[in-house]
N, C-alpha and C. Protein backbone atom coordinates (compact mmCIF):
# COMPACT_ATOMS: atom_id res chain seq x y z
N MET A 1 -17.68 16.40 12.25
CA MET A 1 -17.60 17.16 11.01
C MET A 1 -16.15 17.53 10.74
N PHE A 2 -15.73 17.37 9.50
CA PHE A 2 -14.42 17.80 9.09
C PHE A 2 -14.47 18.19 7.63
N THR A 3 -13.44 18.87 7.18
CA THR A 3 -13.33 19.22 5.77
C THR A 3 -12.21 18.39 5.15
N LEU A 4 -12.51 17.74 4.05
CA LEU A 4 -11.51 17.02 3.29
C LEU A 4 -10.92 18.02 2.31
N ARG A 5 -9.74 18.52 2.62
CA ARG A 5 -9.08 19.57 1.84
C ARG A 5 -8.24 18.92 0.74
N CYS A 6 -8.73 18.99 -0.47
CA CYS A 6 -8.13 18.30 -1.60
C CYS A 6 -7.34 19.26 -2.48
N THR A 7 -6.32 18.72 -3.12
CA THR A 7 -5.61 19.49 -4.14
C THR A 7 -6.57 19.71 -5.31
N ARG A 8 -6.27 20.71 -6.14
CA ARG A 8 -7.13 21.00 -7.30
C ARG A 8 -7.28 19.77 -8.19
N ARG A 9 -6.19 19.07 -8.39
CA ARG A 9 -6.22 17.88 -9.25
C ARG A 9 -7.19 16.82 -8.71
N LEU A 10 -7.16 16.61 -7.41
CA LEU A 10 -8.06 15.62 -6.82
C LEU A 10 -9.51 16.11 -6.86
N LEU A 11 -9.75 17.38 -6.55
CA LEU A 11 -11.12 17.91 -6.64
C LEU A 11 -11.68 17.72 -8.04
N LYS A 12 -10.86 17.99 -9.05
CA LYS A 12 -11.31 17.82 -10.43
C LYS A 12 -11.65 16.36 -10.71
N ARG A 13 -10.79 15.47 -10.26
CA ARG A 13 -11.02 14.03 -10.49
C ARG A 13 -12.28 13.54 -9.78
N LEU A 14 -12.57 14.13 -8.62
CA LEU A 14 -13.77 13.77 -7.86
C LEU A 14 -15.03 14.44 -8.42
N GLY A 15 -14.83 15.45 -9.26
CA GLY A 15 -15.97 16.22 -9.75
C GLY A 15 -16.61 17.02 -8.63
N ALA A 16 -15.79 17.48 -7.69
CA ALA A 16 -16.28 18.17 -6.50
C ALA A 16 -15.87 19.63 -6.54
N GLU A 17 -16.69 20.44 -5.94
CA GLU A 17 -16.40 21.86 -5.77
C GLU A 17 -16.13 22.11 -4.29
N PRO A 18 -15.09 22.89 -3.98
CA PRO A 18 -14.86 23.20 -2.56
C PRO A 18 -15.97 24.11 -2.04
N GLU A 19 -16.41 23.83 -0.84
CA GLU A 19 -17.41 24.68 -0.22
C GLU A 19 -16.75 25.98 0.18
N GLU A 20 -17.45 27.07 -0.03
CA GLU A 20 -16.85 28.39 0.21
C GLU A 20 -16.49 28.61 1.66
N GLN A 21 -17.38 28.24 2.55
CA GLN A 21 -17.09 28.41 3.98
C GLN A 21 -17.14 27.05 4.64
N SER A 22 -16.06 26.69 5.26
CA SER A 22 -16.06 25.42 5.98
C SER A 22 -16.07 25.71 7.47
N LEU A 23 -16.76 24.86 8.17
CA LEU A 23 -16.86 25.00 9.62
C LEU A 23 -15.61 24.46 10.29
N PRO A 24 -15.30 24.93 11.48
CA PRO A 24 -14.17 24.35 12.21
C PRO A 24 -14.44 22.86 12.46
N PRO A 25 -13.40 22.04 12.40
CA PRO A 25 -13.63 20.60 12.59
C PRO A 25 -14.07 20.28 14.01
N SER A 26 -14.94 19.29 14.10
CA SER A 26 -15.37 18.80 15.42
C SER A 26 -14.62 17.53 15.80
N THR A 27 -13.66 17.15 14.99
CA THR A 27 -12.88 15.93 15.23
C THR A 27 -11.56 16.29 15.91
N ALA A 28 -11.04 15.36 16.68
CA ALA A 28 -9.76 15.59 17.35
C ALA A 28 -8.62 15.70 16.34
N LEU A 29 -8.69 14.94 15.25
CA LEU A 29 -7.63 14.95 14.25
C LEU A 29 -7.74 16.12 13.28
N GLY A 30 -8.80 16.91 13.38
CA GLY A 30 -8.95 18.10 12.55
C GLY A 30 -9.36 17.77 11.13
N ASP A 31 -9.15 18.74 10.25
CA ASP A 31 -9.42 18.52 8.84
C ASP A 31 -8.39 17.55 8.28
N TRP A 32 -8.68 17.03 7.09
CA TRP A 32 -7.76 16.13 6.42
C TRP A 32 -7.38 16.73 5.08
N TYR A 33 -6.12 16.57 4.71
CA TYR A 33 -5.60 17.03 3.43
C TYR A 33 -5.37 15.82 2.56
N ALA A 34 -5.74 15.92 1.28
CA ALA A 34 -5.65 14.76 0.40
C ALA A 34 -5.07 15.13 -0.95
N GLN A 35 -4.27 14.21 -1.45
CA GLN A 35 -3.64 14.39 -2.75
C GLN A 35 -3.72 13.09 -3.53
N LEU A 36 -3.91 13.22 -4.82
CA LEU A 36 -3.97 12.07 -5.72
C LEU A 36 -2.57 11.67 -6.14
N THR A 37 -2.33 10.37 -6.19
CA THR A 37 -1.07 9.85 -6.72
C THR A 37 -1.40 8.58 -7.49
N VAL A 38 -0.48 8.13 -8.29
CA VAL A 38 -0.68 6.91 -9.06
C VAL A 38 0.49 5.98 -8.77
N VAL A 39 0.18 4.75 -8.37
CA VAL A 39 1.18 3.73 -8.10
C VAL A 39 0.79 2.49 -8.88
N ASP A 40 1.69 2.00 -9.71
CA ASP A 40 1.41 0.84 -10.57
C ASP A 40 0.11 1.02 -11.36
N ARG A 41 -0.06 2.20 -11.90
CA ARG A 41 -1.23 2.58 -12.70
C ARG A 41 -2.54 2.56 -11.93
N LYS A 42 -2.46 2.55 -10.61
CA LYS A 42 -3.66 2.59 -9.77
C LYS A 42 -3.72 3.95 -9.08
N PRO A 43 -4.80 4.71 -9.30
CA PRO A 43 -4.93 5.99 -8.61
C PRO A 43 -5.22 5.78 -7.12
N LEU A 44 -4.40 6.41 -6.30
CA LEU A 44 -4.55 6.33 -4.85
C LEU A 44 -4.69 7.74 -4.29
N VAL A 45 -5.31 7.82 -3.13
CA VAL A 45 -5.40 9.08 -2.41
C VAL A 45 -4.60 8.93 -1.12
N LEU A 46 -3.66 9.84 -0.93
CA LEU A 46 -2.92 9.92 0.32
C LEU A 46 -3.51 11.09 1.09
N ALA A 47 -4.07 10.80 2.24
CA ALA A 47 -4.67 11.83 3.08
C ALA A 47 -3.92 11.89 4.40
N VAL A 48 -3.78 13.10 4.95
CA VAL A 48 -3.12 13.26 6.25
C VAL A 48 -3.96 14.15 7.15
N SER A 49 -3.93 13.83 8.42
CA SER A 49 -4.61 14.62 9.43
C SER A 49 -3.92 15.97 9.58
N GLU A 50 -4.72 17.01 9.67
CA GLU A 50 -4.17 18.35 9.84
C GLU A 50 -3.39 18.50 11.14
N ARG A 51 -3.84 17.86 12.20
CA ARG A 51 -3.25 18.08 13.52
C ARG A 51 -2.10 17.15 13.86
N THR A 52 -2.07 15.96 13.28
CA THR A 52 -1.02 15.01 13.64
C THR A 52 -0.21 14.52 12.45
N LEU A 53 -0.65 14.84 11.24
CA LEU A 53 -0.05 14.37 9.99
C LEU A 53 -0.14 12.86 9.82
N LEU A 54 -1.06 12.21 10.54
CA LEU A 54 -1.25 10.77 10.37
C LEU A 54 -1.67 10.50 8.93
N PRO A 55 -0.91 9.65 8.21
CA PRO A 55 -1.29 9.34 6.83
C PRO A 55 -2.25 8.16 6.75
N VAL A 56 -3.14 8.24 5.77
CA VAL A 56 -4.06 7.16 5.44
C VAL A 56 -4.09 7.08 3.92
N ILE A 57 -4.05 5.86 3.39
CA ILE A 57 -4.03 5.65 1.95
C ILE A 57 -5.26 4.85 1.56
N VAL A 58 -5.97 5.33 0.54
CA VAL A 58 -7.14 4.62 0.02
C VAL A 58 -7.11 4.68 -1.50
N PRO A 59 -7.62 3.64 -2.16
CA PRO A 59 -7.76 3.73 -3.62
C PRO A 59 -8.76 4.82 -3.96
N LEU A 60 -8.57 5.48 -5.09
CA LEU A 60 -9.51 6.52 -5.51
C LEU A 60 -10.85 5.92 -5.90
N ALA A 61 -10.80 4.81 -6.61
CA ALA A 61 -12.05 4.22 -7.11
C ALA A 61 -12.75 3.40 -6.04
N PRO A 62 -14.04 3.46 -5.97
CA PRO A 62 -14.93 4.39 -6.67
C PRO A 62 -14.92 5.77 -5.98
N ALA A 63 -14.70 6.78 -6.78
CA ALA A 63 -14.52 8.14 -6.26
C ALA A 63 -15.73 8.66 -5.51
N LYS A 64 -16.91 8.21 -5.88
CA LYS A 64 -18.13 8.77 -5.26
C LYS A 64 -18.22 8.46 -3.76
N ASN A 65 -17.55 7.41 -3.30
CA ASN A 65 -17.61 7.12 -1.86
C ASN A 65 -16.24 7.19 -1.20
N LEU A 66 -15.42 8.14 -1.68
CA LEU A 66 -14.09 8.32 -1.10
C LEU A 66 -14.17 8.68 0.38
N ARG A 67 -15.04 9.60 0.74
CA ARG A 67 -15.08 10.06 2.14
C ARG A 67 -15.43 8.95 3.12
N PRO A 68 -16.46 8.13 2.88
CA PRO A 68 -16.71 7.04 3.84
C PRO A 68 -15.58 6.01 3.89
N ARG A 69 -14.93 5.78 2.74
CA ARG A 69 -13.81 4.84 2.74
C ARG A 69 -12.61 5.41 3.49
N LEU A 70 -12.43 6.73 3.44
CA LEU A 70 -11.38 7.37 4.22
C LEU A 70 -11.65 7.20 5.71
N VAL A 71 -12.90 7.35 6.10
CA VAL A 71 -13.26 7.16 7.51
C VAL A 71 -12.98 5.72 7.93
N ASP A 72 -13.37 4.77 7.10
CA ASP A 72 -13.13 3.35 7.43
C ASP A 72 -11.63 3.05 7.53
N ALA A 73 -10.84 3.60 6.61
CA ALA A 73 -9.39 3.38 6.64
C ALA A 73 -8.77 4.05 7.87
N THR A 74 -9.29 5.20 8.25
CA THR A 74 -8.81 5.88 9.46
C THR A 74 -9.12 5.03 10.68
N HIS A 75 -10.30 4.44 10.71
CA HIS A 75 -10.69 3.55 11.81
C HIS A 75 -9.70 2.41 11.95
N GLU A 76 -9.38 1.75 10.83
CA GLU A 76 -8.42 0.64 10.86
C GLU A 76 -7.04 1.10 11.33
N THR A 77 -6.61 2.24 10.82
CA THR A 77 -5.28 2.74 11.15
C THR A 77 -5.18 3.09 12.63
N LEU A 78 -6.19 3.75 13.16
CA LEU A 78 -6.17 4.11 14.59
C LEU A 78 -6.19 2.88 15.48
N LEU A 79 -6.96 1.87 15.10
CA LEU A 79 -6.95 0.62 15.87
C LEU A 79 -5.58 -0.04 15.82
N ALA A 80 -4.92 0.02 14.66
CA ALA A 80 -3.57 -0.56 14.54
C ALA A 80 -2.57 0.17 15.42
N LEU A 81 -2.84 1.44 15.74
CA LEU A 81 -1.97 2.20 16.65
C LEU A 81 -2.31 1.92 18.12
N LEU A 82 -3.23 1.00 18.33
CA LEU A 82 -3.67 0.58 19.66
C LEU A 82 -4.38 1.70 20.43
N ILE A 83 -5.03 2.59 19.68
CA ILE A 83 -5.91 3.58 20.30
C ILE A 83 -7.14 2.81 20.78
N PRO A 84 -7.63 3.07 21.98
CA PRO A 84 -8.80 2.33 22.48
C PRO A 84 -10.00 2.45 21.54
N GLU A 85 -10.68 1.35 21.36
CA GLU A 85 -11.79 1.28 20.41
C GLU A 85 -12.86 2.34 20.65
N PRO A 86 -13.26 2.62 21.89
CA PRO A 86 -14.28 3.66 22.09
C PRO A 86 -13.82 5.04 21.59
N VAL A 87 -12.54 5.34 21.75
CA VAL A 87 -12.00 6.62 21.27
C VAL A 87 -11.99 6.64 19.75
N VAL A 88 -11.60 5.52 19.13
CA VAL A 88 -11.58 5.42 17.67
C VAL A 88 -12.99 5.58 17.12
N SER A 89 -13.95 4.90 17.73
CA SER A 89 -15.33 4.99 17.26
C SER A 89 -15.87 6.40 17.37
N GLU A 90 -15.55 7.07 18.46
CA GLU A 90 -16.01 8.45 18.64
C GLU A 90 -15.42 9.36 17.57
N GLU A 91 -14.13 9.21 17.31
CA GLU A 91 -13.48 10.04 16.29
C GLU A 91 -14.07 9.77 14.91
N CYS A 92 -14.21 8.52 14.58
CA CYS A 92 -14.71 8.17 13.25
C CYS A 92 -16.18 8.53 13.07
N GLU A 93 -16.95 8.45 14.13
CA GLU A 93 -18.35 8.88 14.04
C GLU A 93 -18.42 10.37 13.76
N ALA A 94 -17.54 11.15 14.39
CA ALA A 94 -17.49 12.60 14.14
C ALA A 94 -17.05 12.89 12.71
N MET A 95 -16.32 11.96 12.08
CA MET A 95 -15.86 12.14 10.70
C MET A 95 -16.93 11.80 9.67
N ARG A 96 -18.05 11.23 10.09
CA ARG A 96 -19.08 10.81 9.12
C ARG A 96 -19.68 12.01 8.38
N ALA A 97 -19.70 13.17 9.01
CA ALA A 97 -20.17 14.39 8.34
C ALA A 97 -18.95 15.13 7.83
N SER A 98 -18.96 15.46 6.53
CA SER A 98 -17.78 16.11 5.97
C SER A 98 -18.16 16.98 4.78
N ALA A 99 -17.22 17.82 4.42
CA ALA A 99 -17.38 18.70 3.27
C ALA A 99 -16.07 18.69 2.49
N PHE A 100 -16.13 19.10 1.23
CA PHE A 100 -14.93 19.26 0.45
C PHE A 100 -14.44 20.69 0.57
N GLY A 101 -13.13 20.84 0.62
CA GLY A 101 -12.53 22.16 0.65
C GLY A 101 -11.22 22.15 -0.11
N ALA A 102 -10.71 23.32 -0.36
CA ALA A 102 -9.41 23.45 -1.02
C ALA A 102 -8.31 23.43 0.04
N THR A 103 -7.13 23.01 -0.35
CA THR A 103 -6.00 23.03 0.58
C THR A 103 -5.67 24.48 0.92
N ASN A 104 -5.18 24.69 2.15
CA ASN A 104 -4.82 26.06 2.55
C ASN A 104 -3.63 26.09 3.51
N ASN A 105 -2.84 25.01 3.55
CA ASN A 105 -1.70 24.97 4.44
C ASN A 105 -0.51 24.34 3.71
N ARG A 106 0.46 25.16 3.38
CA ARG A 106 1.60 24.68 2.60
C ARG A 106 2.49 23.71 3.38
N GLN A 107 2.55 23.86 4.70
CA GLN A 107 3.36 22.92 5.50
C GLN A 107 2.81 21.51 5.38
N ILE A 108 1.50 21.39 5.45
CA ILE A 108 0.90 20.06 5.34
C ILE A 108 1.11 19.49 3.95
N LEU A 109 0.96 20.33 2.92
CA LEU A 109 1.22 19.86 1.56
C LEU A 109 2.67 19.42 1.40
N GLY A 110 3.59 20.13 2.04
CA GLY A 110 4.99 19.71 2.00
C GLY A 110 5.19 18.35 2.64
N SER A 111 4.51 18.11 3.75
CA SER A 111 4.60 16.79 4.41
C SER A 111 4.00 15.70 3.53
N ILE A 112 2.89 16.00 2.86
CA ILE A 112 2.30 15.03 1.94
C ILE A 112 3.30 14.70 0.83
N ASN A 113 3.95 15.72 0.29
CA ASN A 113 4.94 15.48 -0.76
C ASN A 113 6.11 14.63 -0.25
N ASP A 114 6.53 14.86 1.00
CA ASP A 114 7.57 14.01 1.60
C ASP A 114 7.09 12.57 1.68
N PHE A 115 5.86 12.37 2.13
CA PHE A 115 5.31 11.01 2.23
C PHE A 115 5.24 10.36 0.84
N LEU A 116 4.85 11.14 -0.17
CA LEU A 116 4.76 10.57 -1.52
C LEU A 116 6.12 10.11 -2.03
N ARG A 117 7.17 10.84 -1.66
CA ARG A 117 8.53 10.42 -2.07
C ARG A 117 8.94 9.12 -1.38
N MET A 118 8.42 8.89 -0.19
CA MET A 118 8.77 7.68 0.57
C MET A 118 7.84 6.50 0.28
N LEU A 119 6.71 6.77 -0.35
CA LEU A 119 5.64 5.77 -0.47
C LEU A 119 6.10 4.48 -1.13
N ASP A 120 6.87 4.55 -2.20
CA ASP A 120 7.31 3.33 -2.88
C ASP A 120 8.07 2.39 -1.96
N SER A 121 8.77 2.95 -0.98
CA SER A 121 9.53 2.11 -0.04
C SER A 121 8.61 1.32 0.88
N TYR A 122 7.38 1.78 1.06
CA TYR A 122 6.46 1.13 1.99
C TYR A 122 5.38 0.31 1.32
N LEU A 123 5.17 0.50 0.03
CA LEU A 123 4.17 -0.30 -0.70
C LEU A 123 4.85 -1.54 -1.24
N ARG A 124 4.89 -2.56 -0.43
CA ARG A 124 5.55 -3.81 -0.80
C ARG A 124 4.50 -4.85 -1.17
N PRO A 125 4.88 -5.83 -1.98
CA PRO A 125 3.93 -6.90 -2.30
C PRO A 125 3.42 -7.57 -1.02
N HIS A 126 2.18 -7.92 -1.03
CA HIS A 126 1.53 -8.64 0.07
C HIS A 126 1.34 -7.78 1.32
N GLU A 127 1.50 -6.47 1.19
CA GLU A 127 1.22 -5.58 2.33
C GLU A 127 0.05 -4.69 1.95
N THR A 128 -0.67 -4.25 2.95
CA THR A 128 -1.85 -3.45 2.72
C THR A 128 -1.51 -1.96 2.68
N PHE A 129 -2.47 -1.18 2.23
CA PHE A 129 -2.30 0.27 2.27
C PHE A 129 -2.15 0.74 3.71
N ARG A 130 -2.84 0.07 4.63
CA ARG A 130 -2.71 0.42 6.05
C ARG A 130 -1.28 0.19 6.52
N ASP A 131 -0.68 -0.91 6.11
CA ASP A 131 0.71 -1.19 6.49
C ASP A 131 1.65 -0.10 5.98
N ALA A 132 1.42 0.32 4.73
CA ALA A 132 2.25 1.38 4.15
C ALA A 132 2.05 2.69 4.92
N ALA A 133 0.80 3.00 5.26
CA ALA A 133 0.51 4.23 6.01
C ALA A 133 1.16 4.19 7.39
N LEU A 134 1.12 3.03 8.03
CA LEU A 134 1.75 2.91 9.34
C LEU A 134 3.26 3.07 9.25
N GLY A 135 3.87 2.60 8.16
CA GLY A 135 5.29 2.81 7.96
C GLY A 135 5.61 4.29 7.79
N LEU A 136 4.81 4.98 6.98
CA LEU A 136 4.99 6.42 6.79
C LEU A 136 4.80 7.18 8.10
N ALA A 137 3.90 6.69 8.94
CA ALA A 137 3.58 7.36 10.21
C ALA A 137 4.74 7.35 11.19
N GLU A 138 5.78 6.60 10.91
CA GLU A 138 6.95 6.56 11.79
C GLU A 138 7.95 7.68 11.49
N ALA A 139 7.79 8.34 10.34
CA ALA A 139 8.76 9.35 9.92
C ALA A 139 8.64 10.63 10.75
N PRO A 140 9.75 11.17 11.22
CA PRO A 140 9.70 12.44 11.93
C PRO A 140 9.31 13.56 10.97
N CYS A 141 8.48 14.47 11.43
CA CYS A 141 7.96 15.54 10.57
C CYS A 141 8.21 16.90 11.23
N GLY A 142 8.81 17.80 10.48
CA GLY A 142 9.12 19.13 10.98
C GLY A 142 7.92 19.92 11.50
N PRO A 143 6.78 19.93 10.79
CA PRO A 143 5.66 20.74 11.26
C PRO A 143 5.11 20.32 12.63
N ILE A 144 5.44 19.12 13.07
CA ILE A 144 4.98 18.69 14.40
C ILE A 144 6.17 18.48 15.34
N GLY A 145 7.16 19.34 15.18
CA GLY A 145 8.31 19.34 16.10
C GLY A 145 9.18 18.11 16.01
N MET A 146 9.28 17.52 14.82
CA MET A 146 10.06 16.32 14.57
C MET A 146 9.52 15.09 15.30
N ASP A 147 8.30 15.16 15.80
CA ASP A 147 7.61 13.96 16.27
C ASP A 147 7.20 13.16 15.04
N SER A 148 6.86 11.92 15.27
CA SER A 148 6.28 11.14 14.18
C SER A 148 4.76 11.31 14.25
N PRO A 149 4.08 11.18 13.13
CA PRO A 149 2.61 11.23 13.17
C PRO A 149 2.03 10.17 14.11
N ARG A 150 2.69 9.02 14.18
CA ARG A 150 2.23 7.96 15.08
C ARG A 150 2.26 8.46 16.53
N GLU A 151 3.40 9.01 16.96
CA GLU A 151 3.53 9.50 18.34
C GLU A 151 2.53 10.61 18.62
N ARG A 152 2.40 11.54 17.69
CA ARG A 152 1.52 12.68 17.89
C ARG A 152 0.06 12.24 17.96
N THR A 153 -0.32 11.27 17.13
CA THR A 153 -1.71 10.77 17.14
C THR A 153 -2.01 10.05 18.44
N ILE A 154 -1.10 9.20 18.88
CA ILE A 154 -1.31 8.48 20.14
C ILE A 154 -1.42 9.46 21.29
N ALA A 155 -0.56 10.47 21.32
CA ALA A 155 -0.62 11.46 22.40
C ALA A 155 -1.94 12.24 22.36
N LEU A 156 -2.39 12.61 21.17
CA LEU A 156 -3.62 13.38 21.04
C LEU A 156 -4.85 12.58 21.44
N LEU A 157 -4.87 11.30 21.07
CA LEU A 157 -6.06 10.49 21.32
C LEU A 157 -5.99 9.65 22.58
N SER A 158 -4.90 9.77 23.31
CA SER A 158 -4.79 9.04 24.56
C SER A 158 -5.86 9.54 25.52
N PRO A 159 -6.57 8.66 26.19
CA PRO A 159 -7.63 9.09 27.10
C PRO A 159 -7.13 10.05 28.19
N ARG A 160 -5.86 9.96 28.59
CA ARG A 160 -5.34 10.85 29.64
C ARG A 160 -5.13 12.27 29.14
N THR A 161 -4.76 12.42 27.86
CA THR A 161 -4.44 13.75 27.36
C THR A 161 -5.53 14.30 26.45
N ARG A 162 -6.55 13.53 26.20
CA ARG A 162 -7.63 13.95 25.31
C ARG A 162 -8.20 15.29 25.74
N GLY A 163 -8.33 16.17 24.80
CA GLY A 163 -8.88 17.49 25.09
C GLY A 163 -7.82 18.53 25.41
N SER A 164 -6.55 18.11 25.44
CA SER A 164 -5.49 19.07 25.76
C SER A 164 -4.91 19.75 24.52
N GLY A 165 -5.48 19.47 23.37
CA GLY A 165 -5.01 20.15 22.16
C GLY A 165 -4.21 19.24 21.29
N GLY A 166 -2.90 19.46 21.22
CA GLY A 166 -2.04 18.66 20.38
C GLY A 166 -1.92 19.17 18.96
N VAL A 167 -2.41 20.37 18.72
CA VAL A 167 -2.30 20.92 17.38
C VAL A 167 -0.96 21.61 17.22
N PHE A 168 -0.53 21.75 15.99
CA PHE A 168 0.73 22.46 15.75
C PHE A 168 0.45 23.82 15.20
């Protein structure tokens, strides 16, 4: 279980209302923060993990199944980081249950805005959204001690350190 914490603009576009009380996440990556952006007239959603700032990019359309597509894109991204498949499957299975919520962390929103400024540099012809997200995941981020989201995610989901926290 996790909460997809969307900006007001994205919640409106999804036709979703934030749930008043959200439960603590049962996923290692925590809640996810999401913002709508438009690239080449295509609406995209940039989502980042609350605990590691790992970015994932998915098209907005069709909006009604954004959450399952976010889980699928997270699955692909984690496998690309060479996280062991059983760990990835466990994390993504825990993400199958979700709720909508409003954003409540300005540091994470600041990191999303930083990623959005860099996004054009990573969205190249013939590359996938996953490739762009993996490029963004290399950037050092202040809220996680200048680690990259890639490093922080690997450390958090590594079988040796799993369960030791890794939150900022």
